[in-house]
N, C-alpha and C. Protein backbone atom coordinates (compact mmCIF):
# COMPACT_ATOMS: atom_id res chain seq x y z
N UNK A 1 -28.82 -13.54 -14.61
CA UNK A 1 -29.29 -14.61 -13.75
C UNK A 1 -28.99 -14.26 -12.29
N UNK A 2 -29.91 -14.59 -11.43
CA UNK A 2 -29.74 -14.34 -10.01
C UNK A 2 -28.93 -15.45 -9.36
N UNK A 3 -28.75 -15.34 -8.06
CA UNK A 3 -27.98 -16.33 -7.32
C UNK A 3 -28.65 -17.70 -7.31
N UNK A 4 -29.98 -17.70 -7.49
CA UNK A 4 -30.73 -18.96 -7.49
C UNK A 4 -30.89 -19.56 -8.89
N UNK A 5 -30.30 -18.92 -9.90
CA UNK A 5 -30.37 -19.43 -11.26
C UNK A 5 -31.56 -18.92 -12.04
N UNK A 6 -32.43 -18.18 -11.40
CA UNK A 6 -33.60 -17.63 -12.08
C UNK A 6 -33.24 -16.25 -12.65
N UNK A 7 -33.88 -15.87 -13.75
CA UNK A 7 -33.59 -14.54 -14.30
C UNK A 7 -34.08 -13.43 -13.38
N UNK A 8 -33.31 -12.34 -13.32
CA UNK A 8 -33.72 -11.20 -12.50
C UNK A 8 -34.35 -10.15 -13.41
N UNK A 9 -35.24 -9.33 -12.85
CA UNK A 9 -35.88 -8.30 -13.67
C UNK A 9 -34.85 -7.32 -14.24
N UNK A 10 -35.16 -6.79 -15.41
CA UNK A 10 -34.25 -5.88 -16.09
C UNK A 10 -33.99 -4.62 -15.27
N UNK A 11 -35.01 -4.09 -14.59
CA UNK A 11 -34.82 -2.88 -13.78
C UNK A 11 -33.86 -3.12 -12.64
N UNK A 12 -33.88 -4.34 -12.07
CA UNK A 12 -32.97 -4.69 -10.99
C UNK A 12 -31.55 -4.88 -11.53
N UNK A 13 -31.47 -5.44 -12.72
CA UNK A 13 -30.19 -5.60 -13.41
C UNK A 13 -29.52 -4.24 -13.61
N UNK A 14 -30.30 -3.26 -14.07
CA UNK A 14 -29.79 -1.91 -14.31
C UNK A 14 -29.47 -1.20 -12.99
N UNK A 15 -30.32 -1.41 -11.98
CA UNK A 15 -30.14 -0.76 -10.69
C UNK A 15 -28.81 -1.14 -10.04
N UNK A 16 -28.46 -2.40 -10.11
CA UNK A 16 -27.22 -2.88 -9.52
C UNK A 16 -26.01 -2.67 -10.42
N UNK A 17 -26.24 -2.15 -11.61
CA UNK A 17 -25.13 -1.88 -12.52
C UNK A 17 -24.47 -3.13 -13.05
N UNK A 18 -25.23 -4.19 -13.19
CA UNK A 18 -24.66 -5.46 -13.63
C UNK A 18 -24.27 -5.45 -15.10
N UNK A 19 -24.64 -4.41 -15.82
CA UNK A 19 -24.25 -4.29 -17.22
C UNK A 19 -22.87 -3.66 -17.39
N UNK A 20 -22.31 -3.15 -16.29
CA UNK A 20 -20.99 -2.52 -16.35
C UNK A 20 -19.91 -3.54 -16.04
N UNK A 21 -18.90 -3.54 -16.88
CA UNK A 21 -17.78 -4.46 -16.69
C UNK A 21 -16.59 -3.69 -16.15
N UNK A 22 -15.99 -4.22 -15.10
CA UNK A 22 -14.78 -3.64 -14.52
C UNK A 22 -13.67 -4.68 -14.65
N UNK A 23 -12.55 -4.27 -15.23
CA UNK A 23 -11.42 -5.19 -15.38
C UNK A 23 -10.32 -4.79 -14.41
N UNK A 24 -9.65 -5.79 -13.89
CA UNK A 24 -8.55 -5.55 -12.96
C UNK A 24 -7.30 -6.21 -13.53
N UNK A 25 -6.31 -5.38 -13.86
CA UNK A 25 -5.06 -5.87 -14.43
C UNK A 25 -4.27 -6.67 -13.39
N UNK A 26 -4.37 -6.29 -12.13
CA UNK A 26 -3.65 -6.98 -11.06
C UNK A 26 -4.15 -8.41 -10.90
N UNK A 27 -5.44 -8.62 -11.16
CA UNK A 27 -6.03 -9.95 -11.06
C UNK A 27 -5.87 -10.77 -12.34
N UNK A 28 -5.05 -10.31 -13.26
CA UNK A 28 -4.87 -11.03 -14.52
C UNK A 28 -5.96 -10.68 -15.51
N UNK A 29 -6.37 -9.42 -15.57
CA UNK A 29 -7.42 -8.92 -16.46
C UNK A 29 -8.75 -9.65 -16.25
N UNK A 30 -9.03 -10.02 -15.03
CA UNK A 30 -10.30 -10.66 -14.70
C UNK A 30 -11.41 -9.61 -14.73
N UNK A 31 -12.58 -9.99 -15.20
CA UNK A 31 -13.71 -9.06 -15.32
C UNK A 31 -14.66 -9.23 -14.15
N UNK A 32 -15.13 -8.11 -13.63
CA UNK A 32 -16.13 -8.10 -12.57
C UNK A 32 -17.33 -7.34 -13.08
N UNK A 33 -18.51 -7.93 -12.96
CA UNK A 33 -19.74 -7.32 -13.47
C UNK A 33 -20.48 -6.68 -12.31
N UNK A 34 -20.59 -5.36 -12.36
CA UNK A 34 -21.28 -4.61 -11.32
C UNK A 34 -20.32 -4.00 -10.33
N UNK A 35 -20.72 -2.85 -9.82
CA UNK A 35 -19.88 -2.10 -8.89
C UNK A 35 -19.64 -2.84 -7.58
N UNK A 36 -20.66 -3.50 -7.09
CA UNK A 36 -20.55 -4.21 -5.81
C UNK A 36 -19.52 -5.34 -5.89
N UNK A 37 -19.58 -6.12 -6.95
CA UNK A 37 -18.63 -7.22 -7.13
C UNK A 37 -17.22 -6.67 -7.29
N UNK A 38 -17.11 -5.54 -7.98
CA UNK A 38 -15.80 -4.92 -8.19
C UNK A 38 -15.20 -4.44 -6.87
N UNK A 39 -16.00 -3.79 -6.05
CA UNK A 39 -15.51 -3.30 -4.76
C UNK A 39 -15.17 -4.45 -3.82
N UNK A 40 -15.92 -5.52 -3.89
CA UNK A 40 -15.67 -6.67 -3.02
C UNK A 40 -14.41 -7.43 -3.41
N UNK A 41 -14.03 -7.36 -4.68
CA UNK A 41 -12.92 -8.18 -5.16
C UNK A 41 -11.58 -7.76 -4.57
N UNK A 42 -11.46 -6.53 -4.05
CA UNK A 42 -10.19 -6.08 -3.48
C UNK A 42 -9.80 -6.87 -2.25
N UNK A 43 -10.77 -7.52 -1.59
CA UNK A 43 -10.50 -8.33 -0.41
C UNK A 43 -10.37 -9.81 -0.75
N UNK A 44 -10.61 -10.18 -1.99
CA UNK A 44 -10.61 -11.59 -2.36
C UNK A 44 -9.21 -12.09 -2.68
N UNK A 45 -9.07 -13.40 -2.73
CA UNK A 45 -7.76 -14.05 -2.87
C UNK A 45 -7.05 -13.68 -4.16
N UNK A 46 -7.77 -13.54 -5.24
CA UNK A 46 -7.14 -13.29 -6.54
C UNK A 46 -6.39 -11.96 -6.53
N UNK A 47 -7.03 -10.93 -5.98
CA UNK A 47 -6.41 -9.61 -5.93
C UNK A 47 -5.26 -9.60 -4.91
N UNK A 48 -5.46 -10.26 -3.78
CA UNK A 48 -4.41 -10.33 -2.77
C UNK A 48 -3.18 -11.05 -3.30
N UNK A 49 -3.39 -12.11 -4.05
CA UNK A 49 -2.27 -12.84 -4.63
C UNK A 49 -1.53 -11.99 -5.65
N UNK A 50 -2.27 -11.26 -6.47
CA UNK A 50 -1.63 -10.38 -7.45
C UNK A 50 -0.80 -9.30 -6.80
N UNK A 51 -1.31 -8.73 -5.71
CA UNK A 51 -0.55 -7.70 -4.99
C UNK A 51 0.68 -8.30 -4.33
N UNK A 52 0.55 -9.50 -3.80
CA UNK A 52 1.68 -10.17 -3.17
C UNK A 52 2.77 -10.47 -4.20
N UNK A 53 2.37 -10.86 -5.40
CA UNK A 53 3.34 -11.13 -6.47
C UNK A 53 4.09 -9.86 -6.87
N UNK A 54 3.43 -8.71 -6.75
CA UNK A 54 4.08 -7.43 -7.07
C UNK A 54 4.95 -6.95 -5.92
N UNK A 55 4.83 -7.58 -4.76
CA UNK A 55 5.61 -7.16 -3.60
C UNK A 55 5.00 -5.95 -2.90
N UNK A 56 3.69 -5.81 -3.02
CA UNK A 56 2.99 -4.66 -2.46
C UNK A 56 1.97 -5.17 -1.45
N UNK A 57 1.89 -4.57 -0.25
CA UNK A 57 0.87 -5.01 0.70
C UNK A 57 -0.51 -4.58 0.22
N UNK A 58 -1.49 -5.41 0.48
CA UNK A 58 -2.86 -5.12 0.03
C UNK A 58 -3.59 -4.34 1.12
N UNK A 59 -3.39 -3.01 1.12
CA UNK A 59 -4.02 -2.15 2.12
C UNK A 59 -5.13 -1.32 1.48
N UNK A 60 -5.83 -0.54 2.30
CA UNK A 60 -6.92 0.29 1.79
C UNK A 60 -6.41 1.40 0.88
N UNK A 61 -5.13 1.72 0.96
CA UNK A 61 -4.55 2.74 0.07
C UNK A 61 -4.69 2.33 -1.39
N UNK A 62 -4.74 1.03 -1.64
CA UNK A 62 -4.73 0.51 -3.01
C UNK A 62 -6.13 0.14 -3.52
N UNK A 63 -7.19 0.48 -2.77
CA UNK A 63 -8.54 0.25 -3.29
C UNK A 63 -8.76 1.14 -4.50
N UNK A 64 -9.48 0.63 -5.46
CA UNK A 64 -9.78 1.32 -6.72
C UNK A 64 -8.58 1.37 -7.67
N UNK A 65 -7.44 0.82 -7.29
CA UNK A 65 -6.27 0.77 -8.17
C UNK A 65 -6.30 -0.58 -8.87
N UNK A 66 -6.42 -0.57 -10.20
CA UNK A 66 -6.50 -1.82 -10.94
C UNK A 66 -5.34 -2.00 -11.89
N UNK A 67 -4.56 -0.97 -12.13
CA UNK A 67 -3.44 -1.04 -13.05
C UNK A 67 -2.16 -1.38 -12.28
N UNK A 68 -1.34 -2.24 -12.85
CA UNK A 68 -0.09 -2.62 -12.21
C UNK A 68 0.83 -1.41 -12.09
N UNK A 69 0.91 -0.60 -13.13
CA UNK A 69 1.78 0.58 -13.11
C UNK A 69 1.33 1.58 -12.05
N UNK A 70 0.03 1.81 -11.94
CA UNK A 70 -0.49 2.73 -10.93
C UNK A 70 -0.17 2.22 -9.53
N UNK A 71 -0.30 0.91 -9.31
CA UNK A 71 -0.02 0.33 -8.00
C UNK A 71 1.46 0.48 -7.65
N UNK A 72 2.33 0.22 -8.62
CA UNK A 72 3.77 0.36 -8.36
C UNK A 72 4.14 1.81 -8.08
N UNK A 73 3.55 2.74 -8.83
CA UNK A 73 3.83 4.16 -8.64
C UNK A 73 3.37 4.63 -7.27
N UNK A 74 2.17 4.22 -6.86
CA UNK A 74 1.65 4.59 -5.56
C UNK A 74 2.51 4.00 -4.45
N UNK A 75 2.96 2.76 -4.62
CA UNK A 75 3.80 2.11 -3.61
C UNK A 75 5.13 2.85 -3.46
N UNK A 76 5.70 3.32 -4.57
CA UNK A 76 6.95 4.09 -4.50
C UNK A 76 6.73 5.40 -3.75
N UNK A 77 5.61 6.07 -4.01
CA UNK A 77 5.31 7.33 -3.31
C UNK A 77 5.10 7.10 -1.82
N UNK A 78 4.42 6.01 -1.46
CA UNK A 78 4.20 5.70 -0.04
C UNK A 78 5.52 5.40 0.63
N UNK A 79 6.39 4.63 -0.02
CA UNK A 79 7.69 4.32 0.56
C UNK A 79 8.54 5.57 0.72
N UNK A 80 8.50 6.47 -0.26
CA UNK A 80 9.27 7.71 -0.17
C UNK A 80 8.78 8.57 0.99
N UNK A 81 7.47 8.63 1.16
CA UNK A 81 6.89 9.40 2.25
C UNK A 81 7.26 8.80 3.60
N UNK A 82 7.27 7.47 3.68
CA UNK A 82 7.63 6.81 4.93
C UNK A 82 9.13 6.89 5.18
N UNK A 83 9.92 6.98 4.11
CA UNK A 83 11.36 7.09 4.25
C UNK A 83 11.76 8.38 4.95
N UNK A 84 10.98 9.42 4.79
CA UNK A 84 11.26 10.69 5.46
C UNK A 84 11.09 10.53 6.97
N UNK A 85 10.16 9.70 7.37
CA UNK A 85 9.87 9.51 8.79
C UNK A 85 10.66 8.38 9.43
N UNK A 86 11.50 7.70 8.67
CA UNK A 86 12.26 6.59 9.24
C UNK A 86 13.31 7.10 10.23
N UNK A 87 13.61 6.29 11.19
CA UNK A 87 14.62 6.64 12.19
C UNK A 87 16.00 6.36 11.63
N UNK A 88 16.84 7.39 11.65
CA UNK A 88 18.21 7.25 11.16
C UNK A 88 19.16 7.32 12.34
N UNK A 89 19.75 6.19 12.74
CA UNK A 89 20.55 6.16 13.96
C UNK A 89 21.78 7.07 13.91
N UNK A 90 22.39 7.23 12.74
CA UNK A 90 23.60 8.06 12.68
C UNK A 90 23.30 9.53 12.97
N UNK A 91 22.08 9.99 12.70
CA UNK A 91 21.72 11.38 12.96
C UNK A 91 20.92 11.56 14.25
N UNK A 92 20.14 10.57 14.61
CA UNK A 92 19.20 10.75 15.72
C UNK A 92 19.59 10.03 17.00
N UNK A 93 20.56 9.13 16.95
CA UNK A 93 20.98 8.44 18.15
C UNK A 93 21.78 9.42 19.00
N UNK A 94 21.46 9.50 20.29
CA UNK A 94 22.08 10.50 21.15
C UNK A 94 23.02 9.85 22.15
N UNK A 95 24.13 10.55 22.42
CA UNK A 95 25.12 10.12 23.39
C UNK A 95 25.34 11.25 24.39
N UNK A 96 25.63 10.88 25.63
CA UNK A 96 25.83 11.87 26.67
C UNK A 96 27.23 11.71 27.25
N UNK A 97 27.93 12.83 27.43
CA UNK A 97 29.27 12.75 28.02
C UNK A 97 29.16 12.86 29.54
N UNK A 98 30.31 12.88 30.24
CA UNK A 98 30.31 12.89 31.71
C UNK A 98 29.70 14.16 32.28
N UNK A 99 29.78 15.23 31.54
CA UNK A 99 29.26 16.52 32.03
C UNK A 99 27.77 16.69 31.76
N UNK A 100 27.15 15.77 31.05
CA UNK A 100 25.72 15.82 30.77
C UNK A 100 25.37 16.43 29.43
N UNK A 101 26.39 16.75 28.61
CA UNK A 101 26.13 17.28 27.28
C UNK A 101 25.66 16.16 26.36
N UNK A 102 24.68 16.47 25.51
CA UNK A 102 24.12 15.47 24.61
C UNK A 102 24.56 15.78 23.18
N UNK A 103 25.06 14.75 22.50
CA UNK A 103 25.54 14.87 21.12
C UNK A 103 24.92 13.77 20.28
N UNK A 104 24.85 14.02 18.96
CA UNK A 104 24.46 12.91 18.10
C UNK A 104 25.67 12.00 17.91
N UNK A 105 25.47 10.85 17.31
CA UNK A 105 26.52 9.83 17.24
C UNK A 105 27.76 10.33 16.52
N UNK A 106 27.58 11.01 15.39
CA UNK A 106 28.73 11.47 14.60
C UNK A 106 29.57 12.48 15.39
N UNK A 107 28.93 13.45 16.01
CA UNK A 107 29.65 14.46 16.78
C UNK A 107 30.35 13.83 17.97
N UNK A 108 29.69 12.92 18.64
CA UNK A 108 30.26 12.27 19.81
C UNK A 108 31.51 11.47 19.45
N UNK A 109 31.44 10.70 18.37
CA UNK A 109 32.62 9.91 17.98
C UNK A 109 33.76 10.81 17.50
N UNK A 110 33.43 11.93 16.81
CA UNK A 110 34.48 12.87 16.39
C UNK A 110 35.17 13.50 17.60
N UNK A 111 34.41 13.93 18.58
CA UNK A 111 35.00 14.53 19.79
C UNK A 111 35.79 13.50 20.59
N UNK A 112 35.32 12.26 20.59
CA UNK A 112 36.02 11.19 21.31
C UNK A 112 37.36 10.90 20.64
N UNK A 113 37.40 10.89 19.31
CA UNK A 113 38.66 10.64 18.58
C UNK A 113 39.66 11.78 18.83
N UNK A 114 39.16 12.97 18.98
CA UNK A 114 40.04 14.12 19.20
C UNK A 114 40.50 14.21 20.65
N UNK A 115 39.90 13.40 21.51
CA UNK A 115 40.29 13.38 22.91
C UNK A 115 39.67 14.51 23.71
N UNK A 116 38.67 15.13 23.23
CA UNK A 116 38.03 16.23 23.92
C UNK A 116 36.98 15.77 24.94
N UNK A 117 36.58 14.52 24.81
CA UNK A 117 35.59 13.97 25.77
C UNK A 117 36.28 12.94 26.63
């Protein structure tokens, strides 16, 4: 049936792929008929709510991901990749002594405790 309630031609039904069913586990195993409806559902409230319940942001990285396990695994990989780029103050925070020498925080505090600075 079309949007107006009238039947659509069979060739148009096949063309749009309305005979294909796509299920999304994140949406509570909801079925989407046709590729277009399936692709559009990633921006809809049901999918966004499911992602929010999993504690995962609904970004473009997660398009085409319909399994909860796949989404969690991808989120762990993204977090691990971002963890490498995170700023670590104990290693990257810089201190300068009176002579203009620059040290990281750990080295600076060690030299200060020893009375060398």
